[in-house]
Amino acid sequence: MPLSSRIVLVRVLAVPLGVLACGAGDTTATFGTATKLVFAVQPASGVAGMLAALRVEVRDAQDRLVTSATHSVRITINAPVGMAGQNIVRAVGGVATFSGLSIVTPGTGYTLSASNFLLASATSAAFDISAGAGPSGTMVFSTARRSREP
């Protein structure tokens, strides 16, 4: 009786101490462990008030987006001025989107920091805030004269 032999090829995928996440449909694979935050959309210079939406991404050591990351990310301003709005957002799909932040104090060279206690923080590019122009940047107080009639 002849002997048959069977050869099986095995492909090994090495994942460096990380996580392999696969989604159905369009296959998305994210390798690596979340290690740092990166500003994907930087703040832009503008007039005092609302900032344009910002995006902070959770990345691995090879600078790849970690789509399974759900870390909370905090935004702070690196200046002695106030910033209003929701400054802590949970990442969805590795992305934390901040909308509704505002800075009302004019100044130059402001930067923002994105942080999470488990990840390396990120500092944004510098931007400037100028005083608001016209009625939207001006507060007007008026008093009505009261006439006295006998």
Protein backbone atom coordinates (compact mmCIF):
# COMPACT_ATOMS: atom_id res chain seq x y z
CA MET A 1 0.00 0.00 0.00
CA PRO A 2 1.47 3.36 -0.98
CA LEU A 3 1.99 5.89 1.76
CA SER A 4 0.60 9.36 1.22
CA SER A 5 2.04 12.41 2.76
CA ARG A 6 0.40 15.64 3.48
CA ILE A 7 2.17 18.96 3.84
CA VAL A 8 0.52 21.66 5.84
CA LEU A 9 1.77 25.19 5.54
CA VAL A 10 1.32 27.35 8.59
CA ARG A 11 1.64 31.08 8.47
CA VAL A 12 2.61 32.70 11.75
CA LEU A 13 1.72 36.29 12.43
CA ALA A 14 3.82 37.95 15.09
CA VAL A 15 2.07 40.63 17.10
CA PRO A 16 4.44 42.51 19.42
CA LEU A 17 2.84 42.40 22.87
CA GLY A 18 -0.35 43.88 21.57
CA VAL A 19 -3.87 43.34 20.56
CA LEU A 20 -5.22 42.15 17.23
CA ALA A 21 -8.70 43.50 16.62
CA CYS A 22 -10.68 42.49 13.55
CA GLY A 23 -14.05 43.83 12.52
CA ALA A 24 -16.65 42.27 10.24
CA GLY A 25 -17.38 43.67 6.80
CA ASP A 26 -14.50 45.95 5.95
CA THR A 27 -11.69 44.26 7.82
CA THR A 28 -9.91 46.58 10.18
CA ALA A 29 -6.87 45.36 12.04
CA THR A 30 -5.14 47.34 14.74
CA PHE A 31 -1.90 46.03 16.12
CA GLY A 32 -0.12 47.19 19.23
CA THR A 33 -0.94 48.51 22.62
CA ALA A 34 -2.05 52.08 23.11
CA THR A 35 0.95 54.15 24.20
CA LYS A 36 0.34 57.78 23.30
CA LEU A 37 -2.03 60.54 22.29
CA VAL A 38 -1.70 62.59 19.08
CA PHE A 39 -3.57 65.70 17.92
CA ALA A 40 -5.08 64.61 14.60
CA VAL A 41 -6.88 67.96 14.18
CA GLN A 42 -4.93 70.88 15.64
CA PRO A 43 -6.54 74.00 17.14
CA ALA A 44 -6.66 76.95 14.75
CA SER A 45 -6.12 80.64 15.42
CA GLY A 46 -9.29 82.68 15.55
CA VAL A 47 -11.36 85.18 17.47
CA ALA A 48 -12.30 84.79 21.11
CA GLY A 49 -15.10 82.31 21.61
CA MET A 50 -15.72 78.80 20.27
CA LEU A 51 -12.80 76.74 19.01
CA ALA A 52 -13.23 74.55 15.96
CA ALA A 53 -13.68 70.85 16.78
CA LEU A 54 -10.46 69.06 17.82
CA ARG A 55 -9.57 65.39 17.33
CA VAL A 56 -7.14 63.47 19.50
CA GLU A 57 -6.17 59.94 18.48
CA VAL A 58 -4.92 57.05 20.61
CA ARG A 59 -1.86 55.55 18.90
CA ASP A 60 0.55 52.65 19.46
CA ALA A 61 4.37 52.81 19.57
CA GLN A 62 4.50 52.53 15.75
CA ASP A 63 2.17 55.58 15.48
CA ARG A 64 -0.81 53.53 14.28
CA LEU A 65 -4.38 54.30 15.34
CA VAL A 66 -5.62 51.85 18.01
CA THR A 67 -9.26 51.47 16.95
CA SER A 68 -10.14 49.39 20.02
CA ALA A 69 -9.09 52.20 22.42
CA THR A 70 -11.80 53.77 24.59
CA HIS A 71 -9.59 55.86 26.90
CA SER A 72 -10.85 59.08 28.48
CA VAL A 73 -8.88 62.05 27.17
CA ARG A 74 -8.56 65.40 28.96
CA ILE A 75 -7.79 68.69 27.19
CA THR A 76 -6.18 71.54 29.16
CA ILE A 77 -4.83 74.90 28.07
CA ASN A 78 -1.18 75.68 28.78
CA ALA A 79 -1.76 79.28 29.84
CA PRO A 80 -3.14 81.09 32.89
CA VAL A 81 -6.49 81.69 31.19
CA GLY A 82 -9.76 79.85 31.34
CA MET A 83 -11.22 77.44 28.85
CA ALA A 84 -14.90 76.53 28.90
CA GLY A 85 -16.68 73.44 27.62
CA GLN A 86 -16.54 69.67 27.96
CA ASN A 87 -12.81 69.02 28.34
CA ILE A 88 -12.95 65.26 29.07
CA VAL A 89 -14.14 62.95 26.30
CA ARG A 90 -14.02 59.16 25.93
CA ALA A 91 -12.40 57.94 22.71
CA VAL A 92 -14.59 55.99 20.31
CA GLY A 93 -12.73 53.83 17.84
CA GLY A 94 -9.48 55.33 19.14
CA VAL A 95 -10.60 58.93 18.47
CA ALA A 96 -11.68 61.56 21.03
CA THR A 97 -13.53 64.48 19.42
CA PHE A 98 -13.86 67.75 21.32
CA SER A 99 -16.47 70.27 20.21
CA GLY A 100 -17.86 73.20 22.12
CA LEU A 101 -14.59 74.30 23.75
CA SER A 102 -14.09 78.05 24.03
CA ILE A 103 -11.37 80.50 25.03
CA VAL A 104 -12.45 84.09 25.57
CA THR A 105 -9.15 85.69 26.56
CA PRO A 106 -7.15 87.07 23.61
CA GLY A 107 -3.51 85.95 23.51
CA THR A 108 -0.74 84.53 21.37
CA GLY A 109 1.11 81.24 21.43
CA TYR A 110 -1.53 79.24 23.28
CA THR A 111 -1.11 75.45 23.23
CA LEU A 112 -3.37 72.66 24.43
CA SER A 113 -2.39 69.41 26.15
CA ALA A 114 -4.19 66.10 25.70
CA SER A 115 -3.65 63.63 28.52
CA ASN A 116 -4.62 60.29 30.01
CA PHE A 117 -2.76 58.85 33.00
CA LEU A 118 -1.94 55.62 31.11
CA LEU A 119 -0.66 57.22 27.89
CA ALA A 120 2.03 59.68 26.82
CA SER A 121 0.45 63.12 26.54
CA ALA A 122 0.43 65.35 23.46
CA THR A 123 0.88 69.09 23.02
CA SER A 124 -0.85 70.92 20.19
CA ALA A 125 0.69 73.36 17.76
CA ALA A 126 0.62 76.98 18.97
CA PHE A 127 -2.37 79.15 18.05
CA ASP A 128 -3.56 82.70 18.70
CA ILE A 129 -6.86 84.08 19.98
CA SER A 130 -7.74 87.64 18.98
CA ALA A 131 -10.40 89.90 20.45
CA GLY A 132 -13.84 89.47 18.96
CA ALA A 133 -14.93 92.08 16.43
CA GLY A 134 -18.22 93.85 16.19
CA PRO A 135 -21.43 93.11 18.08
CA SER A 136 -20.60 89.45 18.76
CA GLY A 137 -17.42 90.41 20.63
CA THR A 138 -18.82 93.47 22.39
CA MET A 139 -20.97 93.65 25.45
CA VAL A 140 -23.18 96.74 25.68
CA PHE A 141 -24.89 97.92 28.85
CA SER A 142 -27.58 100.53 28.74
CA THR A 143 -29.82 102.04 31.34
CA ALA A 144 -33.21 103.52 30.77
CA ARG A 145 -33.85 106.98 32.15
CA ARG A 146 -36.79 107.11 34.33
CA SER A 147 -38.81 110.23 34.22
CA ARG A 148 -40.43 111.54 37.34
CA GLU A 149 -43.85 112.86 36.94
CA PRO A 150 -45.48 114.71 39.77
